[in-house]
Amino acid sequence: MLFLEYPKCSTCRKAKKWLDEKGFAYTDRHIIDENPTAEEIRAWQAKSGLPLRRFFNTSGQIYRELGLKEKLDAMSEAEQLALLAENGKLVKRPLLVLEDTVLVGFKEDEWSEKTQSAKKKQPV
């Protein structure tokens, strides 16, 4: 599984702690240092079954500065994907990319349900 986070985000830290406590094996990716590409976001959105709008960090400063609440509906999917790919801070986090789905934001009940078949760390 792939875990995308912004280390200064308290929700991301909580999600990472949860993954570690449950013993899951995952690849950690800093969402700002290694921003998702438009192609990755398109694939994750399709896998998640969620509208693209759910991939935007609506509580973030950049989202507000750009006035995206008013502009998103008028933008094409390609324009929205390009925006998300430009700046990792616009992407809702944390993201957990699993084999069969993508989880956006941390909801412990949802993560517990969806990660049941995920691989755990091997004992050393």
Protein backbone atom coordinates (compact mmCIF):
# COMPACT_ATOMS: atom_id res chain seq x y z
CA MET A 1 0.00 0.00 0.00
CA LEU A 2 1.03 3.58 -0.60
CA PHE A 3 0.54 6.19 2.13
CA LEU A 4 0.66 9.82 1.01
CA GLU A 5 1.04 12.34 3.78
CA TYR A 6 2.13 15.81 4.75
CA PRO A 7 4.16 15.20 7.94
CA LYS A 8 3.04 18.48 9.57
CA CYS A 9 -0.63 17.47 9.19
CA SER A 10 -2.07 16.20 12.47
CA THR A 11 -4.57 13.92 10.71
CA CYS A 12 -1.73 12.41 8.67
CA ARG A 13 0.28 11.77 11.84
CA LYS A 14 -2.76 10.12 13.43
CA ALA A 15 -3.29 7.92 10.35
CA LYS A 16 0.39 6.94 10.21
CA LYS A 17 0.36 6.03 13.90
CA TRP A 18 -2.74 3.91 13.27
CA LEU A 19 -1.04 2.09 10.35
CA ASP A 20 2.07 1.48 12.47
CA GLU A 21 0.08 0.24 15.48
CA LYS A 22 -1.82 -2.18 13.23
CA GLY A 23 1.49 -3.41 11.78
CA PHE A 24 0.79 -2.60 8.14
CA ALA A 25 3.55 -2.57 5.54
CA TYR A 26 3.37 0.57 3.42
CA THR A 27 5.43 2.94 1.34
CA ASP A 28 5.45 6.44 2.80
CA ARG A 29 5.38 9.37 0.37
CA HIS A 30 5.61 13.07 1.24
CA ILE A 31 2.80 14.65 -0.76
CA ILE A 32 4.62 18.00 -1.16
CA ASP A 33 8.11 16.71 -1.97
CA GLU A 34 6.74 14.12 -4.40
CA ASN A 35 3.46 15.56 -5.62
CA PRO A 36 1.06 13.13 -7.31
CA THR A 37 0.86 13.44 -11.09
CA ALA A 38 -2.39 14.13 -12.93
CA GLU A 39 -2.27 10.52 -14.23
CA GLU A 40 -1.90 9.12 -10.70
CA ILE A 41 -4.77 11.22 -9.40
CA ARG A 42 -6.97 10.22 -12.34
CA ALA A 43 -6.25 6.53 -11.66
CA TRP A 44 -6.80 6.90 -7.92
CA GLN A 45 -10.04 8.77 -8.43
CA ALA A 46 -11.34 6.02 -10.72
CA LYS A 47 -10.26 3.34 -8.24
CA SER A 48 -11.86 5.18 -5.32
CA GLY A 49 -15.24 5.71 -7.00
CA LEU A 50 -15.30 9.22 -5.50
CA PRO A 51 -15.91 12.45 -7.37
CA LEU A 52 -12.70 14.34 -8.20
CA ARG A 53 -13.86 17.17 -5.92
CA ARG A 54 -13.20 14.89 -2.91
CA PHE A 55 -9.47 14.92 -3.74
CA PHE A 56 -9.23 18.65 -3.00
CA ASN A 57 -8.10 19.84 0.42
CA THR A 58 -11.03 22.20 0.90
CA SER A 59 -9.81 23.40 4.29
CA GLY A 60 -6.39 24.39 2.98
CA GLN A 61 -5.10 27.93 2.62
CA ILE A 62 -4.28 27.58 -1.10
CA TYR A 63 -7.79 26.27 -1.87
CA ARG A 64 -9.25 29.37 -0.21
CA GLU A 65 -6.72 31.78 -1.77
CA LEU A 66 -7.57 30.50 -5.25
CA GLY A 67 -11.31 30.76 -4.57
CA LEU A 68 -11.78 27.18 -5.72
CA LYS A 69 -15.08 26.73 -3.89
CA GLU A 70 -16.64 29.03 -6.47
CA LYS A 71 -14.49 27.94 -9.44
CA LEU A 72 -14.30 24.12 -9.31
CA ASP A 73 -17.70 23.40 -10.85
CA ALA A 74 -16.85 25.53 -13.90
CA MET A 75 -13.49 23.82 -14.42
CA SER A 76 -12.97 20.82 -16.66
CA GLU A 77 -11.67 17.56 -15.23
CA ALA A 78 -8.35 18.16 -16.99
CA GLU A 79 -8.05 21.59 -15.36
CA GLN A 80 -8.84 20.16 -11.94
CA LEU A 81 -6.29 17.36 -12.38
CA ALA A 82 -3.66 19.86 -13.50
CA LEU A 83 -4.28 21.98 -10.39
CA LEU A 84 -3.97 18.98 -8.08
CA ALA A 85 -0.78 17.89 -9.84
CA GLU A 86 0.71 21.39 -9.48
CA ASN A 87 0.56 21.63 -5.72
CA GLY A 88 0.47 18.79 -3.18
CA LYS A 89 -1.08 21.11 -0.61
CA LEU A 90 -4.24 21.18 -2.73
CA VAL A 91 -4.61 17.40 -2.40
CA LYS A 92 -6.75 16.04 0.42
CA ARG A 93 -4.63 14.00 2.76
CA PRO A 94 -3.80 11.49 3.91
CA LEU A 95 -4.32 9.21 0.93
CA LEU A 96 -4.04 5.46 1.24
CA VAL A 97 -3.71 3.65 -2.07
CA LEU A 98 -4.64 -0.01 -1.78
CA GLU A 99 -4.75 -2.72 -4.40
CA ASP A 100 -8.49 -2.34 -5.00
CA THR A 101 -9.39 1.11 -3.66
CA VAL A 102 -8.11 4.49 -2.54
CA LEU A 103 -9.02 6.07 0.80
CA VAL A 104 -9.12 9.86 0.95
CA GLY A 105 -8.80 11.43 4.39
CA PHE A 106 -8.55 9.41 7.59
CA LYS A 107 -11.69 7.78 8.94
CA GLU A 108 -10.64 4.98 11.27
CA ASP A 109 -13.76 2.83 10.72
CA GLU A 110 -13.41 3.03 6.94
CA TRP A 111 -9.67 2.32 7.07
CA SER A 112 -10.25 -0.69 9.38
CA GLU A 113 -12.80 -2.13 6.98
CA LYS A 114 -10.85 -1.51 3.77
CA THR A 115 -7.42 -2.63 5.03
CA GLN A 116 -8.49 -6.05 6.34
CA SER A 117 -6.82 -7.89 3.45
CA ALA A 118 -3.74 -5.62 3.30
CA LYS A 119 -0.31 -7.01 4.03
CA LYS A 120 1.15 -6.71 7.49
CA LYS A 121 4.82 -6.19 8.19
CA GLN A 122 6.84 -9.38 8.34
CA PRO A 123 8.30 -10.19 11.77
CA VAL A 124 12.05 -9.69 11.89
